[in-house]
């Protein structure tokens, strides 16, 4: 028996994987993001806030705005560019087409890999909400060629995501190799020395 949520996610991912260039992908991601209701966006924001609140206080205050920017700042930029027709004029190739396809292949399993029963309200959280995160990251990393985590985002130990010239550096870029569903494995940033 096939899980209907997984089938829907696989269909969306197949559409993404068929994108010929960055403009196609930007359009596809924006069209999928526009299908999320205000309630679903509130649930996603609420979950993000809950995860932030569980962090140690000294770190929570430093990172809060970066997490929100990573998700909702990118959401705003994506929809703004879509509505302005920018993606229709863009036929730039993907920086690394094979990496992009690997990312697409990971998404369905990544959406299903979480045990949501540990969350306070598992009945209102679904793999579709996790897909939102992967859609936003696809836009950020493969359309904009930006790191998955915003520049300036701090990590425990004091290091931050940095831009040096045209290159991005992240202190955790290569630290997530064992977590198959981590966006870090597909990020255009290089590992900070």
Foldseek 3Di string as FASTA:
>chain_A
DDDPVLVVLLVLLVCLLPQQALLSLLLSLLVLVVPQDPVLVVVLVVVLVVVLVPDPPVLSVQAVVQSCCLQVVLNVVSNVCVVVVVSVVDRHHWPDSVLLNLLSVLLSCLLVVDDLVVPPCSVSDHSVSVVSLSSSQCSQCTNVVAFSTDFPRADPVGDTWHDDPNAIEDQCLPVCVVPSNDCSPSHRHHYDD
